[in-house]
Amino acid sequence: MSPRPVGSRPTLALVAETAGTSVPTVSKVLRGGTDVSAETRAKVMDAVRAVGYTRPGGTKIDGAGDESGLSNVLTLVVTHFEGSWANLVTAGVGREAATAGLDVVMTLAEPHGDWVSRVLRRRTVGTIGALVDPNSAQFNALSAAGVPMVLIDPMSTPPSGAASIGVANWDGGRMAAEHLLSFGHVRMGVVAGHARHLFSRARVDGFRAAADTASSGEATVSVVHGGWNRDKAAAATHTLLDRDPGITGIFACSDPMALGIYDALNARGLRIPEDVSVIGFDDLPEAYCVSPGLTTVRQPTTELGAAAVRLLIDLSRSEDGGPRRPARMELATELVVRASSGPAPATAALRR
């Protein structure tokens, strides 16, 4: 391979030479072309990483449309379409995109599916991933193609250089614990999502920290995992109370899982909040439609989508020397008190 002059930018020709293929083939891979073998695609992406190639100046927000008319499009990549959280994020993305003169194309990131190639096949100003967990190879492919990406609440530590936006999850967990402690609850439970998810761990950690600090070690916190699913959360709640029937306050790391806690407590003949207080996380429409109304930690879900669009626009414009926002942004959370939380019952320790 010919040495690259010091200070020069890696080129497609250098990538092609490193991969042992042609410039048109490299270009085809970076456009998401389907008529390239998996072996060749892997060689090209290995070469991209080896030489540090990134395409300069992707499609700009204020640029003229290309012949396909898709230059004013952004891509929203999601792992699922169902549920209030996904709908609210999509609404925020759609409204902010419309304000910026952009249209939104949605792409489903199925397990083991090649969603990156589908994104690369269209001209786009960038990509927003909601609860998407891109690996380094996927992120590098987008970066090499000049497609900026913003992650909304990444499930694991993002690849180096990835921009992300989320909420103050740790602080939300802290507020939930402090609220229960203020009502005299000292035996508490947490129904978390998945143990490996960053935002679930942060909510649990914030809850634990508040319990440890405010109660001088007198409070106990038991944690089970409900997999972000109502039925699994109900089963996890039964496990939690079988282990410790004296628990009087339960924090769910999402509102849908809080509904599973409601189901389990109802099945056991326990009243909310007279016997057990329940706090959720999200403040989805379900939180104020259920009876009793769910005390929950509100995250600004629609604003998450809108802020992700603004950050993506900034990233696109930064290629022209404009100001660039921080790689990580966090929006504030707040506690919304409703009827599902109240004083700890004096007879809780006698329950069996």
Protein backbone atom coordinates (compact mmCIF):
# COMPACT_ATOMS: atom_id res chain seq x y z
CA MET A 1 0.00 0.00 0.00
CA SER A 2 1.36 3.44 -0.94
CA PRO A 3 2.05 5.67 2.06
CA ARG A 4 -0.45 8.45 2.62
CA PRO A 5 1.05 11.95 2.78
CA VAL A 6 1.11 13.33 6.32
CA GLY A 7 -1.95 15.47 6.99
CA SER A 8 -3.85 14.28 3.93
CA ARG A 9 -7.38 12.91 4.12
CA PRO A 10 -7.92 9.19 3.43
CA THR A 11 -9.53 8.69 0.02
CA LEU A 12 -11.76 6.09 -1.62
CA ALA A 13 -8.74 5.10 -3.69
CA LEU A 14 -6.76 4.36 -0.53
CA VAL A 15 -9.66 2.29 0.84
CA ALA A 16 -9.89 0.36 -2.43
CA GLU A 17 -6.14 -0.29 -2.49
CA THR A 18 -6.19 -1.47 1.13
CA ALA A 19 -9.19 -3.74 0.50
CA GLY A 20 -7.80 -5.09 -2.75
CA THR A 21 -10.81 -3.98 -4.76
CA SER A 22 -11.94 -1.10 -6.99
CA VAL A 23 -13.12 2.43 -6.17
CA PRO A 24 -16.58 1.76 -7.69
CA THR A 25 -16.94 -1.30 -5.44
CA VAL A 26 -15.98 0.71 -2.36
CA SER A 27 -18.45 3.40 -3.34
CA LYS A 28 -21.15 0.78 -3.86
CA VAL A 29 -20.57 -0.66 -0.36
CA LEU A 30 -20.81 2.79 1.20
CA ARG A 31 -24.09 3.38 -0.63
CA GLY A 32 -25.59 0.17 0.75
CA GLY A 33 -25.53 -1.65 -2.58
CA THR A 34 -26.92 -5.19 -2.47
CA ASP A 35 -24.91 -6.65 -5.38
CA VAL A 36 -21.74 -6.97 -3.30
CA SER A 37 -20.69 -10.18 -1.59
CA ALA A 38 -20.58 -10.33 2.19
CA GLU A 39 -16.84 -11.10 1.98
CA THR A 40 -16.13 -8.03 -0.15
CA ARG A 41 -18.30 -5.84 2.06
CA ALA A 42 -16.36 -7.00 5.13
CA LYS A 43 -13.00 -6.32 3.44
CA VAL A 44 -14.10 -2.82 2.46
CA MET A 45 -15.32 -1.98 5.97
CA ASP A 46 -12.11 -3.37 7.48
CA ALA A 47 -10.18 -1.10 5.14
CA VAL A 48 -12.38 1.86 6.04
CA ARG A 49 -11.53 1.36 9.70
CA ALA A 50 -7.85 0.73 8.98
CA VAL A 51 -7.29 3.97 7.05
CA GLY A 52 -9.80 6.06 9.03
CA TYR A 53 -11.87 7.02 6.01
CA THR A 54 -14.96 9.21 6.41
CA ARG A 55 -16.85 10.70 3.51
CA PRO A 56 -16.59 14.50 3.64
CA GLY A 57 -19.74 16.59 3.63
CA GLY A 58 -22.81 14.37 3.63
CA THR A 59 -26.16 15.61 2.34
CA LYS A 60 -26.75 19.03 3.87
CA ILE A 61 -29.97 20.32 5.43
CA ASP A 62 -30.00 23.35 3.16
CA GLY A 63 -28.60 21.63 0.08
CA ALA A 64 -30.42 21.23 -3.20
CA GLY A 65 -32.37 18.04 -3.74
CA ASP A 66 -30.82 15.31 -5.83
CA GLU A 67 -32.50 13.56 -8.72
CA SER A 68 -34.37 11.23 -6.38
CA GLY A 69 -35.74 14.13 -4.37
CA LEU A 70 -34.63 12.55 -1.08
CA SER A 71 -31.93 14.98 0.06
CA ASN A 72 -34.29 16.54 2.62
CA VAL A 73 -35.00 13.25 4.38
CA LEU A 74 -33.82 11.96 7.75
CA THR A 75 -34.02 8.34 8.82
CA LEU A 76 -35.53 7.22 12.13
CA VAL A 77 -34.33 3.73 13.04
CA VAL A 78 -36.42 1.93 15.67
CA THR A 79 -36.48 -1.54 17.21
CA HIS A 80 -40.27 -1.56 17.43
CA PHE A 81 -43.25 0.54 16.37
CA GLU A 82 -45.62 -0.51 19.15
CA GLY A 83 -46.21 1.25 22.46
CA SER A 84 -46.77 4.75 23.77
CA TRP A 85 -43.07 5.53 24.25
CA ALA A 86 -42.21 4.78 20.63
CA ASN A 87 -45.23 6.76 19.42
CA LEU A 88 -44.29 9.83 21.49
CA VAL A 89 -40.67 9.77 20.32
CA THR A 90 -41.83 9.43 16.71
CA ALA A 91 -44.19 12.37 17.17
CA GLY A 92 -41.35 14.52 18.48
CA VAL A 93 -39.06 13.55 15.60
CA GLY A 94 -41.79 14.14 13.02
CA ARG A 95 -42.84 17.56 14.29
CA GLU A 96 -39.31 18.91 14.65
CA ALA A 97 -38.30 17.48 11.28
CA ALA A 98 -41.28 19.19 9.63
CA THR A 99 -40.27 22.49 11.24
CA ALA A 100 -36.81 22.06 9.70
CA GLY A 101 -38.29 21.24 6.28
CA LEU A 102 -37.41 17.56 6.50
CA ASP A 103 -39.38 14.39 5.91
CA VAL A 104 -38.90 11.24 8.01
CA VAL A 105 -38.39 7.70 6.74
CA MET A 106 -38.70 4.94 9.36
CA THR A 107 -36.48 1.85 9.31
CA LEU A 108 -37.05 -1.20 11.52
CA ALA A 109 -33.86 -2.56 13.08
CA GLU A 110 -34.68 -6.24 13.44
CA PRO A 111 -32.32 -8.57 15.32
CA HIS A 112 -29.53 -9.72 12.99
CA GLY A 113 -31.01 -7.63 10.17
CA ASP A 114 -28.88 -5.42 7.90
CA TRP A 115 -30.62 -2.11 8.65
CA VAL A 116 -27.45 -0.12 7.96
CA SER A 117 -27.41 -1.08 4.27
CA ARG A 118 -31.05 -0.02 3.96
CA VAL A 119 -30.17 3.37 5.46
CA LEU A 120 -27.20 3.79 3.12
CA ARG A 121 -29.30 3.13 0.01
CA ARG A 122 -31.15 6.42 0.40
CA ARG A 123 -29.87 9.98 0.40
CA THR A 124 -30.37 11.24 3.93
CA VAL A 125 -29.19 14.10 6.10
CA GLY A 126 -28.60 11.64 8.93
CA THR A 127 -30.01 8.94 11.17
CA ILE A 128 -31.70 8.93 14.56
CA GLY A 129 -31.69 5.61 16.41
CA ALA A 130 -34.31 5.11 19.13
CA LEU A 131 -33.33 2.31 21.54
CA VAL A 132 -31.01 1.02 18.82
CA ASP A 133 -27.75 -0.58 19.93
CA PRO A 134 -25.36 -0.19 16.97
CA ASN A 135 -22.08 -2.05 17.18
CA SER A 136 -18.83 -0.41 16.12
CA ALA A 137 -18.94 -1.91 12.63
CA GLN A 138 -22.43 -0.50 11.98
CA PHE A 139 -21.54 2.90 13.37
CA ASN A 140 -18.29 2.99 11.37
CA ALA A 141 -20.19 2.14 8.19
CA LEU A 142 -22.51 5.11 8.68
CA SER A 143 -19.62 7.39 9.60
CA ALA A 144 -17.60 6.30 6.57
CA ALA A 145 -20.58 7.04 4.33
CA GLY A 146 -20.86 10.55 5.80
CA VAL A 147 -24.15 9.83 7.57
CA PRO A 148 -24.27 11.43 11.04
CA MET A 149 -26.17 9.50 13.72
CA VAL A 150 -27.81 10.47 17.01
CA LEU A 151 -28.77 7.75 19.47
CA ILE A 152 -31.76 8.17 21.78
CA ASP A 153 -31.11 6.38 25.09
CA PRO A 154 -28.55 3.86 23.80
CA MET A 155 -28.88 0.50 25.53
CA SER A 156 -25.12 0.06 25.97
CA THR A 157 -22.07 2.31 25.87
CA PRO A 158 -22.11 3.98 22.43
CA PRO A 159 -19.18 3.56 20.05
CA SER A 160 -16.48 6.20 20.36
CA GLY A 161 -17.58 9.41 18.66
CA ALA A 162 -21.29 8.60 18.69
CA ALA A 163 -23.67 11.40 19.69
CA SER A 164 -26.48 10.47 22.07
CA ILE A 165 -29.36 12.06 23.92
CA GLY A 166 -31.27 10.74 26.91
CA VAL A 167 -32.78 11.74 30.22
CA ALA A 168 -31.49 12.05 33.77
CA ASN A 169 -32.17 8.40 34.60
CA TRP A 170 -30.06 8.28 37.77
CA ASP A 171 -31.77 11.38 39.11
CA GLY A 172 -35.17 9.89 38.32
CA GLY A 173 -34.39 6.79 40.35
CA ARG A 174 -33.20 8.99 43.20
CA MET A 175 -36.45 10.97 43.23
CA ALA A 176 -38.52 7.78 43.30
CA ALA A 177 -36.63 6.45 46.33
CA GLU A 178 -36.77 9.76 48.18
CA HIS A 179 -40.51 9.92 47.65
CA LEU A 180 -41.04 6.45 49.14
CA LEU A 181 -38.67 7.18 52.01
CA SER A 182 -40.58 10.36 52.82
CA PHE A 183 -43.66 8.19 53.40
CA GLY A 184 -41.78 5.92 55.79
CA HIS A 185 -41.06 3.01 53.42
CA VAL A 186 -37.87 1.18 54.38
CA ARG A 187 -38.42 -2.21 52.73
CA MET A 188 -38.57 -1.48 49.04
CA GLY A 189 -38.36 -3.31 45.75
CA VAL A 190 -37.35 -2.40 42.21
CA VAL A 191 -38.61 -4.03 39.03
CA ALA A 192 -35.86 -3.18 36.55
CA GLY A 193 -35.77 -3.71 32.78
CA HIS A 194 -32.76 -5.63 31.47
CA ALA A 195 -29.61 -5.83 33.57
CA ARG A 196 -27.39 -4.86 30.62
CA HIS A 197 -29.31 -1.73 29.62
CA LEU A 198 -27.58 1.50 30.66
CA PHE A 199 -30.76 3.44 31.41
CA SER A 200 -32.19 0.63 33.54
CA ARG A 201 -28.98 0.36 35.55
CA ALA A 202 -28.87 4.13 36.04
CA ARG A 203 -32.42 4.20 37.40
CA VAL A 204 -31.66 1.35 39.81
CA ASP A 205 -28.38 2.93 40.89
CA GLY A 206 -30.04 6.26 41.61
CA PHE A 207 -32.73 4.52 43.65
CA ARG A 208 -30.17 2.53 45.65
CA ALA A 209 -27.99 5.59 46.28
CA ALA A 210 -30.89 7.58 47.71
CA ALA A 211 -31.99 4.67 49.89
CA ASP A 212 -28.47 4.16 51.23
CA THR A 213 -27.84 7.85 51.89
CA ALA A 214 -31.17 8.97 53.34
CA SER A 215 -31.79 6.02 55.64
CA SER A 216 -28.27 5.54 57.04
CA GLY A 217 -28.36 1.96 55.83
CA GLU A 218 -31.68 1.06 57.46
CA ALA A 219 -33.58 0.71 54.17
CA THR A 220 -33.43 -2.46 52.08
CA VAL A 221 -33.78 -2.58 48.32
CA SER A 222 -34.48 -5.83 46.44
CA VAL A 223 -34.16 -5.87 42.65
CA VAL A 224 -35.78 -8.14 40.08
CA HIS A 225 -35.96 -7.79 36.29
CA GLY A 226 -39.16 -7.51 34.28
CA GLY A 227 -37.72 -7.18 30.77
CA TRP A 228 -39.74 -4.01 29.96
CA ASN A 229 -42.78 -6.26 29.63
CA ARG A 230 -46.06 -6.10 31.59
CA ASP A 231 -46.48 -9.86 32.00
CA LYS A 232 -42.83 -10.43 32.89
CA ALA A 233 -43.01 -7.58 35.39
CA ALA A 234 -46.04 -9.20 37.02
CA ALA A 235 -44.14 -12.48 37.37
CA ALA A 236 -41.11 -10.61 38.72
CA THR A 237 -43.30 -8.88 41.31
CA HIS A 238 -44.55 -12.23 42.58
CA THR A 239 -40.93 -13.33 42.91
CA LEU A 240 -40.09 -10.11 44.74
CA LEU A 241 -42.90 -10.49 47.30
CA ASP A 242 -42.33 -14.21 47.74
CA ARG A 243 -38.78 -13.37 48.80
CA ASP A 244 -39.82 -10.48 51.07
CA PRO A 245 -43.53 -10.20 51.91
CA GLY A 246 -42.74 -7.10 54.00
CA ILE A 247 -41.99 -4.88 51.00
CA THR A 248 -44.24 -1.81 51.07
CA GLY A 249 -43.00 0.25 48.14
CA ILE A 250 -42.05 -0.82 44.60
CA PHE A 251 -40.38 1.23 41.90
CA ALA A 252 -40.84 0.11 38.28
CA CYS A 253 -38.27 1.30 35.74
CA SER A 254 -41.06 1.84 33.19
CA ASP A 255 -44.78 2.55 33.29
CA PRO A 256 -45.73 -0.61 31.35
CA MET A 257 -43.91 -2.68 33.98
CA ALA A 258 -45.72 -0.71 36.70
CA LEU A 259 -48.97 -1.99 35.21
CA GLY A 260 -47.60 -5.51 35.62
CA ILE A 261 -46.99 -4.71 39.29
CA TYR A 262 -50.63 -3.61 39.56
CA ASP A 263 -51.67 -6.98 38.09
CA ALA A 264 -49.56 -8.95 40.57
CA LEU A 265 -50.70 -6.96 43.61
CA ASN A 266 -54.33 -7.33 42.58
CA ALA A 267 -53.85 -11.09 42.19
CA ARG A 268 -52.44 -11.26 45.73
CA GLY A 269 -55.30 -9.23 47.20
CA LEU A 270 -53.02 -6.27 48.05
CA ARG A 271 -54.32 -2.70 47.76
CA ILE A 272 -52.53 0.24 46.14
CA PRO A 273 -51.34 2.30 47.98
CA GLU A 274 -52.79 1.11 51.30
CA ASP A 275 -50.69 -2.06 51.30
CA VAL A 276 -48.03 -1.36 48.69
CA SER A 277 -47.09 1.94 47.02
CA VAL A 278 -46.08 1.85 43.35
CA ILE A 279 -43.99 4.31 41.34
CA GLY A 280 -43.33 4.08 37.61
CA PHE A 281 -41.01 5.78 35.13
CA ASP A 282 -42.06 7.51 31.87
CA ASP A 283 -45.38 9.31 32.50
CA LEU A 284 -47.01 7.67 29.50
CA PRO A 285 -50.78 8.09 28.94
CA GLU A 286 -51.31 4.79 30.77
CA ALA A 287 -50.05 6.41 33.98
CA TYR A 288 -53.07 8.66 34.39
CA CYS A 289 -55.62 6.31 32.82
CA VAL A 290 -55.03 3.45 35.29
CA SER A 291 -56.75 3.35 38.69
CA PRO A 292 -55.36 4.44 41.04
CA GLY A 293 -53.43 7.02 39.02
CA LEU A 294 -49.76 6.09 38.84
CA THR A 295 -47.13 8.16 40.60
CA THR A 296 -44.26 8.20 38.13
CA VAL A 297 -41.04 9.85 37.05
CA ARG A 298 -41.78 11.91 33.98
CA GLN A 299 -39.31 11.88 31.12
CA PRO A 300 -39.94 14.37 28.29
CA THR A 301 -40.40 11.66 25.67
CA THR A 302 -41.68 13.84 22.82
CA GLU A 303 -38.95 16.38 23.49
CA LEU A 304 -36.37 13.58 23.29
CA GLY A 305 -37.33 13.04 19.66
CA ALA A 306 -37.38 16.77 18.90
CA ALA A 307 -34.01 17.38 20.57
CA ALA A 308 -32.49 14.48 18.65
CA VAL A 309 -33.49 16.15 15.37
CA ARG A 310 -31.93 19.44 16.45
CA LEU A 311 -28.73 17.68 17.48
CA LEU A 312 -28.63 15.81 14.16
CA ILE A 313 -28.99 19.07 12.24
CA ASP A 314 -26.14 20.55 14.26
CA LEU A 315 -23.96 17.53 13.49
CA SER A 316 -24.68 17.87 9.78
CA ARG A 317 -23.87 21.57 9.77
CA SER A 318 -20.73 21.12 11.86
CA GLU A 319 -19.08 19.55 8.82
CA ASP A 320 -19.09 23.08 7.35
CA GLY A 321 -17.39 24.51 10.40
CA GLY A 322 -20.52 25.43 12.33
CA PRO A 323 -20.86 25.02 16.12
CA ARG A 324 -21.23 21.50 17.44
CA ARG A 325 -23.24 20.39 20.46
CA PRO A 326 -21.83 18.02 23.08
CA ALA A 327 -21.70 14.32 22.17
CA ARG A 328 -24.06 13.54 25.07
CA MET A 329 -27.13 15.52 26.08
CA GLU A 330 -29.48 14.80 29.01
CA LEU A 331 -32.96 16.18 29.59
CA ALA A 332 -34.34 16.60 33.10
CA THR A 333 -36.78 14.22 34.74
CA GLU A 334 -39.40 15.11 37.38
CA LEU A 335 -41.60 13.26 39.83
CA VAL A 336 -45.36 13.35 39.17
CA VAL A 337 -47.30 12.38 42.29
CA ARG A 338 -50.66 10.65 41.88
CA ALA A 339 -52.70 8.24 43.97
CA SER A 340 -50.53 5.10 43.80
CA SER A 341 -48.11 6.21 46.53
CA GLY A 342 -48.81 6.80 50.21
CA PRO A 343 -47.65 6.11 53.77
CA ALA A 344 -46.10 2.75 54.59
CA PRO A 345 -48.59 0.47 56.42
CA ALA A 346 -47.70 -0.38 60.01
CA THR A 347 -48.66 -4.07 59.54
CA ALA A 348 -46.51 -4.77 56.50
CA ALA A 349 -44.00 -6.91 58.35
CA LEU A 350 -46.76 -9.30 59.39
CA ARG A 351 -47.86 -10.11 55.84
CA ARG A 352 -47.30 -13.64 54.61
